[in-house]
Amino acid sequence: EESIARKHDSPWAEKILPSKGITVYDRGYLDLGRLDGWEDQGHLFVVRLRDNTVVSKQKGLKRLPVEGSNVMGDMSAQLGRVKKTDHRFRVVTFRDGRGKPIRVVTNLWNVPAETIAALYKERWQVELFFRWIKQHLHVKKLFGTSPNAVYNQLYGAFIAYLLLNWLYQQTQPEWRTVKLSFVRFVRKLCWRQLPTEVELSVYELLDRYR
């Protein structure tokens, strides 16, 4: 379902709740009441805590030392100041690649804290993927909102990008007097402003595949 960027992420959490697996959420999806609901439903999760989230009735968890671990803390606790969560949850604190402390809450009790930290860090791969889509595919507006319409638009953008990148990579080594970045190459190709040397190399390549 399509939404505008101004809408908050949190209300969508229930709509995208999977029936199986472990879901990793950013702090935009954090809702203390929702955590109790997820626990009651048996939904496994890892959610980043906001900096001002109060952690109370803390109890440290025993853990074996791991060489090179980035985990700073591992405890069970209730969340909230006045209205606390009904359930106790696990709170893991670790440092990211820049040394910044990050706290996540989870109901995974039987896995190492390092695994929980790694699960949250893997979420950034999804963020980077969507950032790549925005920067390289330029999908700024969806032409339709049905799953097929969205998939077709994304697949079409991927195919176009791969073909243009292939064209650039295949012809660029043959340019002797011209230097163009991939972005400038695509821009000049679309506007039919390629330098003669580059244009000839493109035609020669395409002729070989006719």
N, C-alpha and C. Protein backbone atom coordinates (compact mmCIF):
# COMPACT_ATOMS: atom_id res chain seq x y z
N GLU A 1 0.84 -1.18 0.00
CA GLU A 1 0.00 0.00 0.00
C GLU A 1 0.88 1.23 0.00
N GLU A 2 0.54 2.20 -0.84
CA GLU A 2 1.35 3.40 -0.97
C GLU A 2 1.00 4.39 0.13
N SER A 3 2.01 5.08 0.64
CA SER A 3 1.79 6.13 1.63
C SER A 3 2.73 7.28 1.32
N ILE A 4 2.43 8.44 1.89
CA ILE A 4 3.30 9.60 1.70
C ILE A 4 4.31 9.63 2.82
N ALA A 5 5.43 10.28 2.57
CA ALA A 5 6.53 10.27 3.54
C ALA A 5 6.17 10.97 4.84
N ARG A 6 5.19 11.88 4.80
CA ARG A 6 4.86 12.63 6.01
C ARG A 6 4.14 11.77 7.04
N LYS A 7 3.59 10.62 6.64
CA LYS A 7 2.91 9.76 7.59
C LYS A 7 3.93 9.04 8.46
N HIS A 8 3.57 8.89 9.75
CA HIS A 8 4.47 8.22 10.67
C HIS A 8 4.49 6.72 10.40
N ASP A 9 5.64 6.10 10.64
CA ASP A 9 5.79 4.68 10.35
C ASP A 9 5.00 3.79 11.30
N SER A 10 4.86 4.22 12.55
CA SER A 10 4.34 3.34 13.59
C SER A 10 2.99 2.70 13.27
N PRO A 11 1.98 3.43 12.75
CA PRO A 11 0.69 2.80 12.50
C PRO A 11 0.73 1.66 11.49
N TRP A 12 1.79 1.60 10.68
CA TRP A 12 1.87 0.57 9.66
C TRP A 12 2.41 -0.75 10.20
N ALA A 13 2.89 -0.75 11.42
CA ALA A 13 3.53 -1.95 11.96
C ALA A 13 2.60 -3.15 11.97
N GLU A 14 1.33 -2.94 12.34
CA GLU A 14 0.39 -4.06 12.40
C GLU A 14 0.05 -4.57 11.01
N LYS A 15 0.07 -3.70 10.00
CA LYS A 15 -0.29 -4.10 8.65
C LYS A 15 0.77 -4.96 8.00
N ILE A 16 2.02 -4.80 8.41
CA ILE A 16 3.11 -5.54 7.77
C ILE A 16 3.61 -6.68 8.65
N LEU A 17 2.86 -7.01 9.70
CA LEU A 17 3.29 -8.03 10.65
C LEU A 17 3.32 -9.39 9.97
N PRO A 18 4.48 -10.04 9.89
CA PRO A 18 4.55 -11.36 9.25
C PRO A 18 4.05 -12.45 10.20
N SER A 19 3.62 -13.57 9.62
CA SER A 19 3.11 -14.67 10.44
C SER A 19 4.23 -15.49 11.04
N LYS A 20 5.41 -15.47 10.41
CA LYS A 20 6.54 -16.25 10.91
C LYS A 20 7.81 -15.42 10.83
N GLY A 21 8.85 -15.93 11.48
CA GLY A 21 10.15 -15.28 11.39
C GLY A 21 10.36 -14.23 12.46
N ILE A 22 11.45 -13.50 12.31
CA ILE A 22 11.84 -12.44 13.23
C ILE A 22 11.82 -11.12 12.47
N THR A 23 11.13 -10.14 13.01
CA THR A 23 11.05 -8.84 12.36
C THR A 23 11.95 -7.85 13.09
N VAL A 24 12.74 -7.11 12.33
CA VAL A 24 13.64 -6.10 12.89
C VAL A 24 13.10 -4.73 12.52
N TYR A 25 12.82 -3.93 13.53
CA TYR A 25 12.21 -2.61 13.33
C TYR A 25 13.16 -1.51 13.77
N ASP A 26 13.01 -0.34 13.12
CA ASP A 26 13.69 0.85 13.60
C ASP A 26 12.84 1.48 14.71
N ARG A 27 13.36 2.50 15.37
CA ARG A 27 12.65 3.09 16.51
C ARG A 27 11.37 3.80 16.11
N GLY A 28 11.19 4.09 14.81
CA GLY A 28 9.94 4.69 14.37
C GLY A 28 8.74 3.79 14.60
N TYR A 29 8.98 2.50 14.74
CA TYR A 29 7.89 1.54 14.97
C TYR A 29 7.69 1.22 16.45
N LEU A 30 8.48 1.84 17.32
CA LEU A 30 8.42 1.50 18.73
C LEU A 30 7.14 2.03 19.38
N ASP A 31 6.42 1.13 20.03
CA ASP A 31 5.25 1.46 20.82
C ASP A 31 5.21 0.46 21.97
N LEU A 32 5.30 0.95 23.20
CA LEU A 32 5.44 0.05 24.34
C LEU A 32 4.24 -0.88 24.49
N GLY A 33 3.03 -0.36 24.24
CA GLY A 33 1.85 -1.21 24.31
C GLY A 33 1.86 -2.28 23.25
N ARG A 34 2.40 -1.93 22.10
CA ARG A 34 2.46 -2.90 21.00
C ARG A 34 3.41 -4.05 21.32
N LEU A 35 4.47 -3.77 22.08
CA LEU A 35 5.41 -4.82 22.44
C LEU A 35 4.71 -5.93 23.23
N ASP A 36 3.85 -5.54 24.17
CA ASP A 36 3.10 -6.54 24.93
C ASP A 36 2.21 -7.37 24.01
N GLY A 37 1.57 -6.70 23.05
CA GLY A 37 0.72 -7.41 22.10
C GLY A 37 1.49 -8.40 21.27
N TRP A 38 2.66 -7.98 20.81
CA TRP A 38 3.50 -8.89 20.02
C TRP A 38 3.93 -10.10 20.84
N GLU A 39 4.26 -9.84 22.10
CA GLU A 39 4.67 -10.94 22.97
C GLU A 39 3.51 -11.93 23.16
N ASP A 40 2.31 -11.42 23.35
CA ASP A 40 1.14 -12.28 23.53
C ASP A 40 0.84 -13.08 22.26
N GLN A 41 1.13 -12.48 21.10
CA GLN A 41 0.87 -13.15 19.82
C GLN A 41 1.98 -14.13 19.44
N GLY A 42 3.09 -14.08 20.17
CA GLY A 42 4.21 -14.94 19.82
C GLY A 42 5.04 -14.41 18.67
N HIS A 43 4.91 -13.11 18.39
CA HIS A 43 5.67 -12.49 17.30
C HIS A 43 7.07 -12.14 17.80
N LEU A 44 8.09 -12.65 17.13
CA LEU A 44 9.48 -12.41 17.52
C LEU A 44 9.96 -11.11 16.88
N PHE A 45 10.65 -10.29 17.66
CA PHE A 45 11.03 -8.97 17.15
C PHE A 45 12.34 -8.50 17.76
N VAL A 46 12.95 -7.55 17.06
CA VAL A 46 14.07 -6.75 17.56
C VAL A 46 13.75 -5.31 17.18
N VAL A 47 13.65 -4.42 18.16
CA VAL A 47 13.28 -3.03 17.90
C VAL A 47 14.28 -2.11 18.57
N ARG A 48 14.71 -1.10 17.85
CA ARG A 48 15.61 -0.13 18.46
C ARG A 48 14.84 0.76 19.42
N LEU A 49 15.41 1.01 20.59
CA LEU A 49 14.80 1.89 21.58
C LEU A 49 15.16 3.34 21.31
N ARG A 50 14.24 4.23 21.61
CA ARG A 50 14.55 5.65 21.54
C ARG A 50 15.47 6.02 22.70
N ASP A 51 16.19 7.11 22.53
CA ASP A 51 17.15 7.52 23.56
C ASP A 51 16.47 7.84 24.89
N ASN A 52 15.21 8.31 24.83
CA ASN A 52 14.52 8.70 26.06
C ASN A 52 13.62 7.60 26.63
N THR A 53 13.68 6.40 26.06
CA THR A 53 12.87 5.30 26.59
C THR A 53 13.41 4.86 27.95
N VAL A 54 12.54 4.84 28.94
CA VAL A 54 12.94 4.48 30.30
C VAL A 54 12.96 2.96 30.45
N VAL A 55 14.06 2.46 30.97
CA VAL A 55 14.22 1.02 31.23
C VAL A 55 14.25 0.83 32.74
N SER A 56 13.29 0.08 33.28
CA SER A 56 13.17 -0.06 34.73
C SER A 56 13.21 -1.52 35.15
N LYS A 57 13.40 -1.72 36.46
CA LYS A 57 13.48 -3.06 37.04
C LYS A 57 14.48 -3.92 36.28
N GLN A 58 15.66 -3.37 36.11
CA GLN A 58 16.69 -4.03 35.31
C GLN A 58 17.29 -5.22 36.06
N LYS A 59 17.59 -6.25 35.31
CA LYS A 59 18.25 -7.43 35.86
C LYS A 59 19.23 -7.96 34.82
N GLY A 60 20.52 -7.90 35.15
CA GLY A 60 21.54 -8.33 34.21
C GLY A 60 21.43 -9.81 33.88
N LEU A 61 21.73 -10.15 32.64
CA LEU A 61 21.70 -11.54 32.19
C LEU A 61 23.12 -12.09 32.13
N LYS A 62 23.27 -13.32 32.54
CA LYS A 62 24.59 -13.96 32.49
C LYS A 62 24.94 -14.27 31.04
N ARG A 63 26.16 -13.96 30.67
CA ARG A 63 26.61 -14.23 29.31
C ARG A 63 28.09 -14.53 29.32
N LEU A 64 28.50 -15.41 28.42
CA LEU A 64 29.91 -15.75 28.30
C LEU A 64 30.64 -14.63 27.57
N PRO A 65 31.86 -14.31 27.99
CA PRO A 65 32.63 -13.27 27.30
C PRO A 65 32.97 -13.71 25.88
N VAL A 66 32.83 -12.79 24.94
CA VAL A 66 33.12 -13.06 23.54
C VAL A 66 34.20 -12.10 23.09
N GLU A 67 35.29 -12.64 22.57
CA GLU A 67 36.42 -11.80 22.14
C GLU A 67 36.00 -10.90 20.98
N GLY A 68 36.31 -9.63 21.11
CA GLY A 68 36.00 -8.67 20.05
C GLY A 68 34.53 -8.27 20.00
N SER A 69 33.77 -8.61 21.02
CA SER A 69 32.33 -8.30 21.02
C SER A 69 32.09 -6.80 21.13
N ASN A 70 31.06 -6.34 20.43
CA ASN A 70 30.66 -4.93 20.52
C ASN A 70 29.50 -4.73 21.48
N VAL A 71 29.12 -5.80 22.20
CA VAL A 71 28.00 -5.73 23.13
C VAL A 71 28.45 -5.08 24.43
N MET A 72 27.70 -4.09 24.89
CA MET A 72 28.03 -3.37 26.12
C MET A 72 27.16 -3.79 27.29
N GLY A 73 25.96 -4.27 27.01
CA GLY A 73 25.04 -4.64 28.08
C GLY A 73 23.99 -5.61 27.60
N ASP A 74 23.53 -6.47 28.52
CA ASP A 74 22.51 -7.47 28.20
C ASP A 74 21.69 -7.68 29.47
N MET A 75 20.41 -7.31 29.44
CA MET A 75 19.60 -7.37 30.65
C MET A 75 18.14 -7.67 30.32
N SER A 76 17.39 -8.05 31.33
CA SER A 76 15.94 -8.12 31.21
C SER A 76 15.37 -6.93 31.97
N ALA A 77 14.25 -6.41 31.49
CA ALA A 77 13.69 -5.21 32.11
C ALA A 77 12.28 -4.98 31.63
N GLN A 78 11.59 -4.10 32.34
CA GLN A 78 10.33 -3.56 31.87
C GLN A 78 10.61 -2.18 31.28
N LEU A 79 9.76 -1.76 30.36
CA LEU A 79 9.96 -0.48 29.69
C LEU A 79 8.84 0.47 30.09
N GLY A 80 9.18 1.74 30.19
CA GLY A 80 8.20 2.76 30.52
C GLY A 80 8.43 3.35 31.89
N ARG A 81 7.95 4.60 32.07
CA ARG A 81 8.14 5.28 33.35
C ARG A 81 6.92 5.11 34.24
N VAL A 82 5.77 5.60 33.79
CA VAL A 82 4.54 5.51 34.59
C VAL A 82 3.80 4.22 34.27
N LYS A 83 3.45 4.07 33.00
CA LYS A 83 2.77 2.85 32.56
C LYS A 83 3.80 1.92 31.95
N LYS A 84 4.22 0.96 32.71
CA LYS A 84 5.26 0.03 32.26
C LYS A 84 4.66 -1.09 31.42
N THR A 85 5.50 -1.74 30.65
CA THR A 85 5.06 -2.91 29.90
C THR A 85 4.66 -4.02 30.86
N ASP A 86 3.69 -4.82 30.45
CA ASP A 86 3.26 -5.94 31.29
C ASP A 86 4.34 -7.01 31.36
N HIS A 87 5.02 -7.21 30.25
CA HIS A 87 6.04 -8.26 30.17
C HIS A 87 7.43 -7.67 30.39
N ARG A 88 8.32 -8.52 30.79
CA ARG A 88 9.74 -8.17 30.81
C ARG A 88 10.32 -8.52 29.45
N PHE A 89 11.21 -7.68 28.98
CA PHE A 89 11.85 -7.91 27.69
C PHE A 89 13.36 -7.86 27.85
N ARG A 90 14.03 -8.30 26.84
CA ARG A 90 15.49 -8.29 26.83
C ARG A 90 15.98 -7.01 26.17
N VAL A 91 16.89 -6.32 26.82
CA VAL A 91 17.47 -5.08 26.28
C VAL A 91 18.96 -5.30 26.07
N VAL A 92 19.39 -5.16 24.84
CA VAL A 92 20.80 -5.35 24.48
C VAL A 92 21.37 -4.01 24.02
N THR A 93 22.50 -3.64 24.58
CA THR A 93 23.19 -2.41 24.20
C THR A 93 24.51 -2.77 23.53
N PHE A 94 24.75 -2.19 22.36
CA PHE A 94 25.99 -2.47 21.63
C PHE A 94 26.45 -1.21 20.91
N ARG A 95 27.67 -1.23 20.44
CA ARG A 95 28.23 -0.09 19.71
C ARG A 95 28.15 -0.36 18.21
N ASP A 96 27.79 0.68 17.46
CA ASP A 96 27.79 0.53 16.01
C ASP A 96 29.20 0.73 15.47
N GLY A 97 29.34 0.79 14.16
CA GLY A 97 30.66 0.90 13.55
C GLY A 97 31.41 2.17 13.90
N ARG A 98 30.68 3.20 14.33
CA ARG A 98 31.31 4.47 14.71
C ARG A 98 31.47 4.60 16.22
N GLY A 99 31.15 3.54 16.94
CA GLY A 99 31.30 3.57 18.39
C GLY A 99 30.11 4.13 19.14
N LYS A 100 29.03 4.43 18.44
CA LYS A 100 27.84 5.00 19.08
C LYS A 100 27.02 3.90 19.73
N PRO A 101 26.61 4.07 21.00
CA PRO A 101 25.80 3.05 21.67
C PRO A 101 24.39 2.97 21.07
N ILE A 102 23.92 1.77 20.86
CA ILE A 102 22.57 1.52 20.35
C ILE A 102 21.89 0.52 21.27
N ARG A 103 20.64 0.83 21.67
CA ARG A 103 19.87 -0.08 22.51
C ARG A 103 18.73 -0.68 21.69
N VAL A 104 18.57 -1.98 21.79
CA VAL A 104 17.45 -2.64 21.15
C VAL A 104 16.71 -3.48 22.18
N VAL A 105 15.41 -3.63 21.98
CA VAL A 105 14.60 -4.48 22.84
C VAL A 105 14.12 -5.66 22.01
N THR A 106 14.06 -6.82 22.62
CA THR A 106 13.69 -8.03 21.91
C THR A 106 13.03 -9.03 22.85
N ASN A 107 12.34 -10.00 22.27
CA ASN A 107 11.83 -11.11 23.06
C ASN A 107 12.53 -12.41 22.68
N LEU A 108 13.73 -12.27 22.11
CA LEU A 108 14.59 -13.42 21.81
C LEU A 108 15.49 -13.65 23.02
N TRP A 109 15.30 -14.75 23.68
CA TRP A 109 16.05 -15.02 24.91
C TRP A 109 17.13 -16.07 24.73
N ASN A 110 17.02 -16.90 23.73
CA ASN A 110 17.91 -18.06 23.61
C ASN A 110 18.97 -17.91 22.54
N VAL A 111 19.31 -16.68 22.18
CA VAL A 111 20.38 -16.44 21.21
C VAL A 111 21.38 -15.48 21.84
N PRO A 112 22.64 -15.53 21.43
CA PRO A 112 23.65 -14.63 22.00
C PRO A 112 23.32 -13.16 21.72
N ALA A 113 23.75 -12.31 22.62
CA ALA A 113 23.53 -10.87 22.44
C ALA A 113 24.19 -10.37 21.16
N GLU A 114 25.33 -10.98 20.81
CA GLU A 114 26.02 -10.59 19.57
C GLU A 114 25.17 -10.86 18.34
N THR A 115 24.39 -11.95 18.39
CA THR A 115 23.50 -12.27 17.27
C THR A 115 22.39 -11.23 17.14
N ILE A 116 21.86 -10.79 18.27
CA ILE A 116 20.82 -9.76 18.24
C ILE A 116 21.38 -8.46 17.68
N ALA A 117 22.59 -8.10 18.11
CA ALA A 117 23.22 -6.89 17.56
C ALA A 117 23.43 -7.02 16.06
N ALA A 118 23.85 -8.21 15.62
CA ALA A 118 24.08 -8.44 14.19
C ALA A 118 22.77 -8.37 13.41
N LEU A 119 21.67 -8.85 13.99
CA LEU A 119 20.37 -8.79 13.32
C LEU A 119 19.99 -7.34 13.05
N TYR A 120 20.17 -6.48 14.05
CA TYR A 120 19.80 -5.08 13.84
C TYR A 120 20.72 -4.42 12.81
N LYS A 121 21.99 -4.75 12.86
CA LYS A 121 22.93 -4.16 11.90
C LYS A 121 22.60 -4.58 10.47
N GLU A 122 22.09 -5.82 10.30
CA GLU A 122 21.72 -6.28 8.97
C GLU A 122 20.58 -5.46 8.39
N ARG A 123 19.77 -4.89 9.28
CA ARG A 123 18.66 -4.07 8.80
C ARG A 123 19.17 -2.90 7.96
N TRP A 124 20.38 -2.44 8.25
CA TRP A 124 20.94 -1.32 7.49
C TRP A 124 21.18 -1.67 6.03
N GLN A 125 21.34 -2.96 5.74
CA GLN A 125 21.50 -3.37 4.35
C GLN A 125 20.24 -3.05 3.56
N VAL A 126 19.08 -3.20 4.22
CA VAL A 126 17.82 -2.84 3.57
C VAL A 126 17.76 -1.34 3.33
N GLU A 127 18.17 -0.56 4.35
CA GLU A 127 18.19 0.90 4.21
C GLU A 127 19.10 1.32 3.07
N LEU A 128 20.27 0.71 2.98
CA LEU A 128 21.22 1.05 1.92
C LEU A 128 20.66 0.68 0.55
N PHE A 129 19.92 -0.44 0.49
CA PHE A 129 19.33 -0.86 -0.77
C PHE A 129 18.31 0.16 -1.26
N PHE A 130 17.44 0.62 -0.36
CA PHE A 130 16.44 1.61 -0.75
C PHE A 130 17.10 2.94 -1.09
N ARG A 131 18.18 3.28 -0.38
CA ARG A 131 18.91 4.50 -0.72
C ARG A 131 19.51 4.39 -2.12
N TRP A 132 20.02 3.20 -2.43
CA TRP A 132 20.58 2.97 -3.76
C TRP A 132 19.51 3.12 -4.83
N ILE A 133 18.32 2.58 -4.56
CA ILE A 133 17.22 2.70 -5.51
C ILE A 133 16.90 4.17 -5.77
N LYS A 134 16.82 4.97 -4.71
CA LYS A 134 16.49 6.38 -4.87
C LYS A 134 17.57 7.13 -5.65
N GLN A 135 18.84 6.79 -5.38
CA GLN A 135 19.95 7.52 -5.99
C GLN A 135 20.19 7.10 -7.43
N HIS A 136 20.00 5.82 -7.74
CA HIS A 136 20.39 5.33 -9.06
C HIS A 136 19.23 5.05 -10.00
N LEU A 137 18.10 4.60 -9.48
CA LEU A 137 16.98 4.27 -10.35
C LEU A 137 16.03 5.44 -10.54
N HIS A 138 16.12 6.44 -9.66
CA HIS A 138 15.30 7.65 -9.76
C HIS A 138 13.81 7.33 -9.84
N VAL A 139 13.38 6.40 -9.03
CA VAL A 139 11.95 6.09 -8.93
C VAL A 139 11.34 7.05 -7.92
N LYS A 140 10.97 8.22 -8.40
CA LYS A 140 10.48 9.27 -7.50
C LYS A 140 8.98 9.20 -7.30
N LYS A 141 8.27 8.58 -8.24
CA LYS A 141 6.82 8.51 -8.13
C LYS A 141 6.35 7.19 -8.72
N LEU A 142 5.44 6.54 -8.02
CA LEU A 142 4.89 5.28 -8.51
C LEU A 142 3.76 5.57 -9.49
N PHE A 143 3.76 4.84 -10.61
CA PHE A 143 2.71 5.02 -11.61
C PHE A 143 1.43 4.31 -11.20
N GLY A 144 1.53 3.35 -10.30
CA GLY A 144 0.36 2.63 -9.80
C GLY A 144 0.62 2.17 -8.39
N THR A 145 -0.41 1.71 -7.70
CA THR A 145 -0.26 1.30 -6.30
C THR A 145 -0.50 -0.18 -6.09
N SER A 146 -0.91 -0.91 -7.12
CA SER A 146 -1.10 -2.36 -6.97
C SER A 146 0.27 -3.03 -6.94
N PRO A 147 0.38 -4.22 -6.34
CA PRO A 147 1.68 -4.92 -6.32
C PRO A 147 2.28 -5.10 -7.71
N ASN A 148 1.47 -5.49 -8.69
CA ASN A 148 1.99 -5.70 -10.05
C ASN A 148 2.53 -4.40 -10.64
N ALA A 149 1.82 -3.31 -10.41
CA ALA A 149 2.27 -2.02 -10.95
C ALA A 149 3.60 -1.61 -10.34
N VAL A 150 3.74 -1.79 -9.04
CA VAL A 150 4.98 -1.42 -8.36
C VAL A 150 6.12 -2.32 -8.82
N TYR A 151 5.88 -3.64 -8.87
CA TYR A 151 6.92 -4.57 -9.30
C TYR A 151 7.35 -4.29 -10.73
N ASN A 152 6.39 -4.06 -11.62
CA ASN A 152 6.73 -3.80 -13.02
C ASN A 152 7.56 -2.54 -13.17
N GLN A 153 7.22 -1.50 -12.41
CA GLN A 153 7.99 -0.27 -12.50
C GLN A 153 9.41 -0.46 -11.98
N LEU A 154 9.54 -1.16 -10.85
CA LEU A 154 10.87 -1.40 -10.29
C LEU A 154 11.70 -2.31 -11.18
N TYR A 155 11.09 -3.39 -11.68
CA TYR A 155 11.82 -4.28 -12.58
C TYR A 155 12.26 -3.55 -13.84
N GLY A 156 11.36 -2.72 -14.37
CA GLY A 156 11.72 -1.95 -15.56
C GLY A 156 12.89 -1.01 -15.30
N ALA A 157 12.88 -0.37 -14.12
CA ALA A 157 13.97 0.53 -13.76
C ALA A 157 15.27 -0.23 -13.57
N PHE A 158 15.20 -1.42 -12.94
CA PHE A 158 16.39 -2.24 -12.76
C PHE A 158 16.97 -2.66 -14.11
N ILE A 159 16.12 -3.13 -15.00
CA ILE A 159 16.58 -3.59 -16.31
C ILE A 159 17.23 -2.44 -17.08
N ALA A 160 16.59 -1.27 -17.05
CA ALA A 160 17.15 -0.11 -17.76
C ALA A 160 18.51 0.26 -17.18
N TYR A 161 18.62 0.25 -15.85
CA TYR A 161 19.89 0.60 -15.21
C TYR A 161 20.98 -0.40 -15.59
N LEU A 162 20.65 -1.69 -15.54
CA LEU A 162 21.65 -2.72 -15.85
C LEU A 162 22.11 -2.64 -17.31
N LEU A 163 21.18 -2.38 -18.22
CA LEU A 163 21.55 -2.26 -19.63
C LEU A 163 22.44 -1.05 -19.87
N LEU A 164 22.09 0.07 -19.25
CA LEU A 164 22.91 1.27 -19.41
C LEU A 164 24.29 1.09 -18.79
N ASN A 165 24.33 0.43 -17.63
CA ASN A 165 25.62 0.19 -16.99
C ASN A 165 26.47 -0.76 -17.82
N TRP A 166 25.83 -1.77 -18.39
CA TRP A 166 26.55 -2.71 -19.27
C TRP A 166 27.10 -1.97 -20.47
N LEU A 167 26.30 -1.09 -21.07
CA LEU A 167 26.74 -0.32 -22.23
C LEU A 167 27.93 0.55 -21.87
N TYR A 168 27.89 1.16 -20.70
CA TYR A 168 28.98 2.02 -20.24
C TYR A 168 30.25 1.20 -20.00
N GLN A 169 30.13 0.08 -19.30
CA GLN A 169 31.29 -0.74 -18.96
C GLN A 169 31.94 -1.35 -20.20
N GLN A 170 31.13 -1.68 -21.20
CA GLN A 170 31.66 -2.30 -22.41
C GLN A 170 32.36 -1.31 -23.33
N THR A 171 31.90 -0.09 -23.34
CA THR A 171 32.46 0.89 -24.28
C THR A 171 33.52 1.80 -23.66
N GLN A 172 33.45 2.01 -22.37
CA GLN A 172 34.35 2.97 -21.72
C GLN A 172 35.83 2.66 -21.94
N PRO A 173 36.28 1.39 -21.91
CA PRO A 173 37.71 1.12 -22.15
C PRO A 173 38.20 1.55 -23.53
N GLU A 174 37.28 1.73 -24.48
CA GLU A 174 37.67 2.08 -25.85
C GLU A 174 37.81 3.59 -26.05
N TRP A 175 37.41 4.37 -25.07
CA TRP A 175 37.51 5.82 -25.22
C TRP A 175 38.95 6.25 -24.94
N ARG A 176 39.53 6.94 -25.86
CA ARG A 176 40.93 7.35 -25.71
C ARG A 176 41.06 8.82 -25.34
N THR A 177 40.15 9.63 -25.78
CA THR A 177 40.28 11.08 -25.54
C THR A 177 39.15 11.64 -24.67
N VAL A 178 38.25 10.78 -24.25
CA VAL A 178 37.08 11.25 -23.50
C VAL A 178 37.00 10.53 -22.16
N LYS A 179 36.65 11.29 -21.12
CA LYS A 179 36.39 10.71 -19.81
C LYS A 179 35.00 11.15 -19.34
N LEU A 180 34.15 10.17 -19.11
CA LEU A 180 32.79 10.45 -18.65
C LEU A 180 32.45 9.54 -17.48
N SER A 181 31.83 10.10 -16.47
CA SER A 181 31.29 9.26 -15.40
C SER A 181 30.05 8.55 -15.93
N PHE A 182 29.61 7.54 -15.22
CA PHE A 182 28.42 6.81 -15.65
C PHE A 182 27.20 7.74 -15.70
N VAL A 183 27.08 8.62 -14.72
CA VAL A 183 25.93 9.52 -14.68
C VAL A 183 25.94 10.46 -15.88
N ARG A 184 27.10 11.03 -16.19
CA ARG A 184 27.20 11.93 -17.34
C ARG A 184 26.99 11.18 -18.64
N PHE A 185 27.47 9.94 -18.70
CA PHE A 185 27.27 9.12 -19.89
C PHE A 185 25.78 8.93 -20.16
N VAL A 186 25.03 8.55 -19.12
CA VAL A 186 23.59 8.32 -19.28
C VAL A 186 22.88 9.61 -19.67
N ARG A 187 23.26 10.70 -19.01
CA ARG A 187 22.61 11.98 -19.29
C ARG A 187 22.83 12.40 -20.75
N LYS A 188 24.08 12.30 -21.21
CA LYS A 188 24.38 12.70 -22.58
C LYS A 188 23.77 11.74 -23.59
N LEU A 189 23.67 10.45 -23.22
CA LEU A 189 23.04 9.48 -24.11
C LEU A 189 21.56 9.81 -24.28
N CYS A 190 20.89 10.13 -23.20
CA CYS A 190 19.46 10.44 -23.26
C CYS A 190 19.20 11.71 -24.06
N TRP A 191 20.11 12.67 -23.96
CA TRP A 191 19.94 13.93 -24.68
C TRP A 191 20.63 13.93 -26.04
N ARG A 192 21.15 12.77 -26.43
CA ARG A 192 21.84 12.62 -27.72
C ARG A 192 22.97 13.63 -27.86
N GLN A 193 23.76 13.73 -26.81
CA GLN A 193 24.89 14.67 -26.79
C GLN A 193 26.21 13.96 -26.55
N LEU A 194 26.28 12.67 -26.85
CA LEU A 194 27.52 11.93 -26.64
C LEU A 194 28.61 12.44 -27.58
N PRO A 195 29.84 12.54 -27.09
CA PRO A 195 30.95 12.86 -27.98
C PRO A 195 31.03 11.84 -29.11
N THR A 196 31.54 12.25 -30.24
CA THR A 196 31.57 11.38 -31.42
C THR A 196 32.26 10.05 -31.13
N GLU A 197 33.40 10.11 -30.44
CA GLU A 197 34.14 8.89 -30.13
C GLU A 197 33.29 7.91 -29.32
N VAL A 198 32.59 8.43 -28.35
CA VAL A 198 31.75 7.59 -27.50
C VAL A 198 30.57 7.05 -28.28
N GLU A 199 29.96 7.90 -29.06
CA GLU A 199 28.80 7.49 -29.85
C GLU A 199 29.15 6.37 -30.82
N LEU A 200 30.31 6.49 -31.46
CA LEU A 200 30.75 5.44 -32.39
C LEU A 200 30.98 4.12 -31.67
N SER A 201 31.57 4.18 -30.48
CA SER A 201 31.82 2.94 -29.74
C SER A 201 30.51 2.27 -29.33
N VAL A 202 29.50 3.07 -29.04
CA VAL A 202 28.18 2.52 -28.70
C VAL A 202 27.57 1.83 -29.91
N TYR A 203 27.61 2.50 -31.05
CA TYR A 203 27.06 1.92 -32.27
C TYR A 203 27.78 0.63 -32.65
N GLU A 204 29.10 0.63 -32.52
CA GLU A 204 29.87 -0.57 -32.86
C GLU A 204 29.52 -1.73 -31.95
N LEU A 205 29.33 -1.45 -30.67
CA LEU A 205 28.97 -2.51 -29.73
C LEU A 205 27.59 -3.07 -30.05
N LEU A 206 26.64 -2.20 -30.30
CA LEU A 206 25.29 -2.66 -30.60
C LEU A 206 25.23 -3.43 -31.90
N ASP A 207 26.07 -3.03 -32.88
CA ASP A 207 26.11 -3.76 -34.15
C ASP A 207 26.56 -5.20 -33.96
N ARG A 208 27.45 -5.42 -32.99
CA ARG A 208 27.94 -6.78 -32.75
C ARG A 208 26.86 -7.71 -32.20
N TYR A 209 25.82 -7.13 -31.61
CA TYR A 209 24.77 -7.95 -30.99
C TYR A 209 23.48 -7.96 -31.80
N ARG A 210 23.54 -7.44 -33.00
CA ARG A 210 22.35 -7.48 -33.86
C ARG A 210 22.22 -8.85 -34.51
